[in-house]
Amino acid sequence: MTVGASLYENPVSPSAVHSGTRIFAPESYRAVREAQTCPVVHTEALNLAAFYPICWIAGGARPTLVALRSLMPDGHGHLREFARIPSALPLSLQAYPFVADAPVEQGGESPILIDNVIADEPTDIGSPILTTQGGLTRGAETRLRAAAFFRTDLPQTERITEALVEVDCLVPWVVDPKALPPGAHVPDMLVVGPVEKVSDRLYQVLRRLGSISGIFLGAHRISLFRIAGLVRAANEAGRLTSTAQ
C-alpha cells in the first residue's frame, strides 16, 4: 500500500534493532503525530467515521483506503480533541512503530517489521520489545495484535476497493480551495459517487461481497461529514501560522 509506506522511514526486522531499543506510546513518534493520511481497513471504518473522513487516495496499482486526518502538511491542522482518544487511532497507527501493512511473502506470511526511528517526543518511559525471558512485552504484543487485525482484514478491503473500481463507482472528492487557508495540501481523494447516480452499480458490489460491504459503504458515507471539522482545524492552523510570522 503506497500510502502506508509513507508512514515508515526505516522498516527493518526486529533482529536488526539494538537490543536496548524501547517502544513508546504511538503519539511519541513524529510519524503518528504528523500523518495526514493513514491506511485503514473496512472493519474499522464504522468506528473511525466518528472522527475522520474515510476515503481513497488515488495512485499506485489501485486506490488506497485511508483515514484523512488533516488538510495541512507537516503535522498541522489535526483535530487535537481526538489526540488522546484511543479509539480514534486507526489500527496502522496503533501498531506503530511495527509495520501494519508489511508485504505478504511467499507462503502467505507477512514478516514482522519495525520502523527503526527515534521517539522524538516520548510521553512515557516506554518498554523493551522482549522480556528478559525472551517473550514479547505487553507493549509489543498490543502493537503486533493491531498489526495482525489490520493484515487479516486488508485482503477483503482491497476486494471491496477493486469491486468499486470495476463498476466505476469512485469519483474525485474536491474540497473548495476558497474554504482553506494558504498552504493547505489536499491529496487526490476519491469517494463513492452520489447514490442516485451509482445505485445500480453499488447493488452489484453488495450482491458480490455481501452485507459487510454494505456496512462499510454506510460508514464511508457518514464519515464524509467530518470534513467540516478538518476545514475548521486547517483554518485555525493557518491563522496561527500567519500570526507567528
Protein backbone atom coordinates (compact mmCIF):
# COMPACT_ATOMS: atom_id res chain seq x y z
CA MET A 1 0.00 0.00 0.00
CA THR A 2 1.77 3.10 -1.19
CA VAL A 3 0.14 5.49 1.28
CA GLY A 4 1.07 3.24 4.16
CA ALA A 5 4.68 3.17 3.02
CA SER A 6 4.92 6.90 3.67
CA LEU A 7 4.45 6.24 7.40
CA TYR A 8 7.70 4.35 7.65
CA GLU A 9 11.22 5.75 7.38
CA ASN A 10 13.40 2.73 8.03
CA PRO A 11 11.49 -0.57 8.35
CA VAL A 12 13.74 -3.40 9.47
CA SER A 13 13.48 -6.80 11.10
CA PRO A 14 13.31 -6.56 14.91
CA SER A 15 16.53 -8.57 15.00
CA ALA A 16 18.27 -5.60 13.34
CA VAL A 17 17.22 -3.24 16.12
CA HIS A 18 19.50 -2.61 19.10
CA SER A 19 18.63 -4.94 21.97
CA GLY A 20 18.08 -1.95 24.26
CA THR A 21 15.57 -0.28 21.95
CA ARG A 22 12.35 0.71 23.72
CA ILE A 23 8.96 1.32 22.16
CA PHE A 24 6.76 4.18 23.30
CA ALA A 25 3.14 5.26 23.02
CA PRO A 26 2.18 5.91 19.38
CA GLU A 27 1.90 9.68 19.79
CA SER A 28 5.53 9.75 20.92
CA TYR A 29 6.53 9.30 17.26
CA ARG A 30 6.56 12.07 14.68
CA ALA A 31 5.09 9.80 12.00
CA VAL A 32 1.96 9.20 14.08
CA ARG A 33 1.51 12.82 15.11
CA GLU A 34 2.00 14.21 11.61
CA ALA A 35 0.47 11.61 9.29
CA GLN A 36 -2.03 13.44 7.09
CA THR A 37 -3.49 10.15 5.90
CA CYS A 38 -3.00 6.59 7.06
CA PRO A 39 -4.21 3.30 5.58
CA VAL A 40 -7.28 1.71 7.15
CA VAL A 41 -9.27 -1.49 6.67
CA HIS A 42 -13.00 -1.79 6.15
CA THR A 43 -13.76 -3.23 9.60
CA GLU A 44 -12.58 -0.10 11.40
CA ALA A 45 -14.47 2.33 9.16
CA LEU A 46 -17.62 2.38 11.30
CA ASN A 47 -15.66 3.36 14.40
CA LEU A 48 -13.40 5.86 12.63
CA ALA A 49 -16.37 7.55 10.93
CA ALA A 50 -16.94 9.34 14.24
CA PHE A 51 -13.58 11.06 13.88
CA TYR A 52 -12.32 11.29 10.28
CA PRO A 53 -13.43 11.13 6.67
CA ILE A 54 -12.77 7.68 5.25
CA CYS A 55 -11.91 7.93 1.57
CA TRP A 56 -9.49 6.63 -1.04
CA ILE A 57 -6.25 8.16 -2.26
CA ALA A 58 -5.64 7.77 -5.98
CA GLY A 59 -2.38 6.37 -7.29
CA GLY A 60 -0.47 3.12 -7.48
CA ALA A 61 -1.94 -0.14 -8.70
CA ARG A 62 -5.24 0.64 -7.00
CA PRO A 63 -6.71 3.41 -4.83
CA THR A 64 -5.82 3.08 -1.16
CA LEU A 65 -8.44 3.34 1.58
CA VAL A 66 -7.34 5.87 4.18
CA ALA A 67 -8.42 7.96 7.12
CA LEU A 68 -8.00 11.63 6.23
CA ARG A 69 -6.61 13.24 9.39
CA SER A 70 -5.68 16.73 8.16
CA LEU A 71 -5.85 19.13 5.23
CA MET A 72 -2.49 20.71 6.08
CA PRO A 73 1.09 19.45 5.64
CA ASP A 74 3.81 18.97 8.27
CA GLY A 75 1.57 17.90 11.13
CA HIS A 76 -0.64 20.99 11.16
CA GLY A 77 -4.42 21.08 11.05
CA HIS A 78 -5.08 17.95 13.07
CA LEU A 79 -8.14 17.65 15.28
CA ARG A 80 -6.38 17.82 18.62
CA GLU A 81 -9.54 16.94 20.56
CA PHE A 82 -9.12 13.37 19.28
CA ALA A 83 -5.42 13.07 20.09
CA ARG A 84 -5.93 11.36 23.46
CA ILE A 85 -8.89 9.18 22.49
CA PRO A 86 -7.54 5.63 21.97
CA SER A 87 -10.46 4.59 19.73
CA ALA A 88 -9.69 7.49 17.37
CA LEU A 89 -6.36 5.94 16.41
CA PRO A 90 -6.50 3.75 13.27
CA LEU A 91 -5.01 0.27 13.52
CA SER A 92 -1.99 1.17 11.38
CA LEU A 93 -1.08 3.88 13.92
CA GLN A 94 -1.93 1.73 16.93
CA ALA A 95 0.61 -0.77 15.59
CA TYR A 96 3.38 1.80 15.11
CA PRO A 97 6.40 1.50 15.18
CA PHE A 98 5.59 -2.00 13.89
CA VAL A 99 4.66 -2.03 10.21
CA ALA A 100 0.97 -2.84 9.79
CA ASP A 101 0.97 -3.47 6.05
CA ALA A 102 4.18 -5.44 5.59
CA PRO A 103 4.09 -7.19 2.19
CA VAL A 104 3.00 -10.80 2.08
CA GLU A 105 5.88 -13.12 1.33
CA GLN A 106 5.91 -16.46 -0.47
CA GLY A 107 3.87 -18.88 1.59
CA GLY A 108 1.30 -16.27 2.56
CA GLU A 109 3.10 -14.95 5.64
CA SER A 110 3.86 -11.30 6.39
CA PRO A 111 7.19 -10.59 8.08
CA ILE A 112 7.34 -8.66 11.35
CA LEU A 113 8.97 -5.32 10.62
CA ILE A 114 9.60 -2.34 12.87
CA ASP A 115 10.32 1.24 11.86
CA ASN A 116 13.75 1.90 13.28
CA VAL A 117 13.23 5.52 14.32
CA ILE A 118 13.59 7.58 17.48
CA ALA A 119 10.57 8.57 19.56
CA ASP A 120 11.24 12.30 19.41
CA GLU A 121 8.55 13.28 21.95
CA PRO A 122 8.22 10.36 24.38
CA THR A 123 5.15 10.56 26.60
CA ASP A 124 6.04 7.57 28.80
CA ILE A 125 9.05 5.54 29.88
CA GLY A 126 8.47 3.02 27.10
CA SER A 127 9.16 -0.68 27.24
CA PRO A 128 11.55 -3.11 25.54
CA ILE A 129 10.29 -5.34 22.75
CA LEU A 130 11.22 -8.56 24.55
CA THR A 131 11.15 -9.58 28.20
CA THR A 132 14.26 -10.98 29.88
CA GLN A 133 12.79 -14.46 29.24
CA GLY A 134 12.62 -13.77 25.51
CA GLY A 135 8.86 -13.27 25.24
CA LEU A 136 7.02 -10.21 23.95
CA THR A 137 6.36 -7.38 26.37
CA ARG A 138 2.79 -6.19 26.74
CA GLY A 139 3.52 -3.08 24.67
CA ALA A 140 4.96 -5.08 21.79
CA GLU A 141 2.16 -7.63 21.95
CA THR A 142 -0.51 -4.90 21.82
CA ARG A 143 1.03 -3.33 18.74
CA LEU A 144 1.55 -6.62 16.94
CA ARG A 145 -2.07 -7.54 17.65
CA ALA A 146 -3.20 -4.30 15.98
CA ALA A 147 -0.97 -5.10 13.00
CA ALA A 148 -2.42 -8.61 12.82
CA PHE A 149 -6.00 -7.30 12.80
CA PHE A 150 -5.05 -4.91 10.00
CA ARG A 151 -3.39 -7.60 7.90
CA THR A 152 -6.30 -10.02 8.40
CA ASP A 153 -8.83 -7.54 7.02
CA LEU A 154 -6.65 -5.99 4.32
CA PRO A 155 -7.44 -8.55 1.56
CA GLN A 156 -11.21 -8.01 1.91
CA THR A 157 -10.68 -4.24 1.99
CA GLU A 158 -8.77 -4.49 -1.28
CA ARG A 159 -11.52 -6.67 -2.77
CA ILE A 160 -14.13 -4.03 -1.90
CA THR A 161 -11.95 -1.33 -3.48
CA GLU A 162 -11.38 -3.41 -6.61
CA ALA A 163 -15.12 -4.09 -6.94
CA LEU A 164 -15.95 -0.39 -6.66
CA VAL A 165 -13.30 0.48 -9.24
CA GLU A 166 -14.52 -2.26 -11.57
CA VAL A 167 -18.06 -0.84 -11.68
CA ASP A 168 -16.78 2.75 -11.82
CA CYS A 169 -18.30 3.90 -8.52
CA LEU A 170 -15.41 6.05 -7.29
CA VAL A 171 -15.33 9.73 -8.19
CA PRO A 172 -12.97 12.60 -7.27
CA TRP A 173 -13.70 14.38 -4.00
CA VAL A 174 -12.71 18.04 -4.13
CA VAL A 175 -12.59 20.42 -1.18
CA ASP A 176 -13.31 24.02 -2.17
CA PRO A 177 -9.90 25.75 -2.09
CA LYS A 178 -11.64 29.01 -1.11
CA ALA A 179 -12.59 27.38 2.20
CA LEU A 180 -8.95 26.59 3.03
CA PRO A 181 -6.02 28.75 4.15
CA PRO A 182 -2.85 29.33 2.11
CA GLY A 183 -0.51 26.37 2.40
CA ALA A 184 -3.25 23.75 2.64
CA HIS A 185 -2.45 20.44 0.98
CA VAL A 186 -5.34 18.30 -0.22
CA PRO A 187 -4.42 14.86 -1.63
CA ASP A 188 -6.13 13.39 -4.69
CA MET A 189 -9.14 11.88 -2.96
CA LEU A 190 -11.86 9.54 -4.22
CA VAL A 191 -15.26 8.72 -2.74
CA VAL A 192 -18.26 6.66 -3.77
CA GLY A 193 -20.34 8.74 -6.17
CA PRO A 194 -23.85 10.08 -5.40
CA VAL A 195 -26.26 7.24 -4.71
CA GLU A 196 -28.75 8.47 -7.29
CA LYS A 197 -26.08 8.05 -9.96
CA VAL A 198 -24.38 4.81 -8.90
CA SER A 199 -27.07 2.86 -7.05
CA ASP A 200 -27.41 0.13 -9.70
CA ARG A 201 -23.66 -0.39 -9.74
CA LEU A 202 -23.48 -0.38 -5.94
CA TYR A 203 -26.03 -3.18 -5.83
CA GLN A 204 -23.65 -5.24 -7.94
CA VAL A 205 -20.96 -4.78 -5.29
CA LEU A 206 -23.37 -5.63 -2.47
CA ARG A 207 -24.56 -8.78 -4.22
CA ARG A 208 -20.99 -9.90 -4.82
CA LEU A 209 -19.45 -9.08 -1.44
CA GLY A 210 -22.38 -9.28 0.95
CA SER A 211 -23.66 -7.29 3.90
CA ILE A 212 -20.24 -6.44 5.30
CA SER A 213 -19.60 -4.24 2.26
CA GLY A 214 -22.94 -2.51 2.91
CA ILE A 215 -21.93 -1.68 6.48
CA PHE A 216 -18.65 -0.31 5.23
CA LEU A 217 -20.28 1.79 2.50
CA GLY A 218 -22.69 3.29 5.03
CA ALA A 219 -19.79 4.18 7.35
CA HIS A 220 -17.88 5.69 4.45
CA ARG A 221 -20.80 7.93 3.52
CA ILE A 222 -21.38 9.08 7.11
CA SER A 223 -17.69 9.79 7.64
CA LEU A 224 -17.55 12.38 4.87
CA PHE A 225 -19.41 14.88 7.08
CA ARG A 226 -16.24 15.02 9.21
CA ILE A 227 -14.58 17.12 6.52
CA ALA A 228 -16.12 20.22 8.14
CA GLY A 229 -14.01 19.67 11.26
CA LEU A 230 -10.85 19.32 9.18
CA VAL A 231 -11.62 22.56 7.30
CA ARG A 232 -12.08 24.33 10.65
CA ALA A 233 -8.83 22.88 12.03
CA ALA A 234 -6.95 23.83 8.85
CA ASN A 235 -8.09 27.45 9.11
CA GLU A 236 -7.18 27.60 12.79
CA ALA A 237 -3.71 26.27 11.96
CA GLY A 238 -3.42 28.77 9.10
CA ARG A 239 -4.26 31.67 11.43
CA LEU A 240 -1.70 30.54 13.99
CA THR A 241 0.96 30.25 11.29
CA SER A 242 0.27 33.71 9.90
CA THR A 243 0.30 35.21 13.41
CA ALA A 244 3.64 33.57 14.19
CA GLN A 245 5.14 35.05 11.03
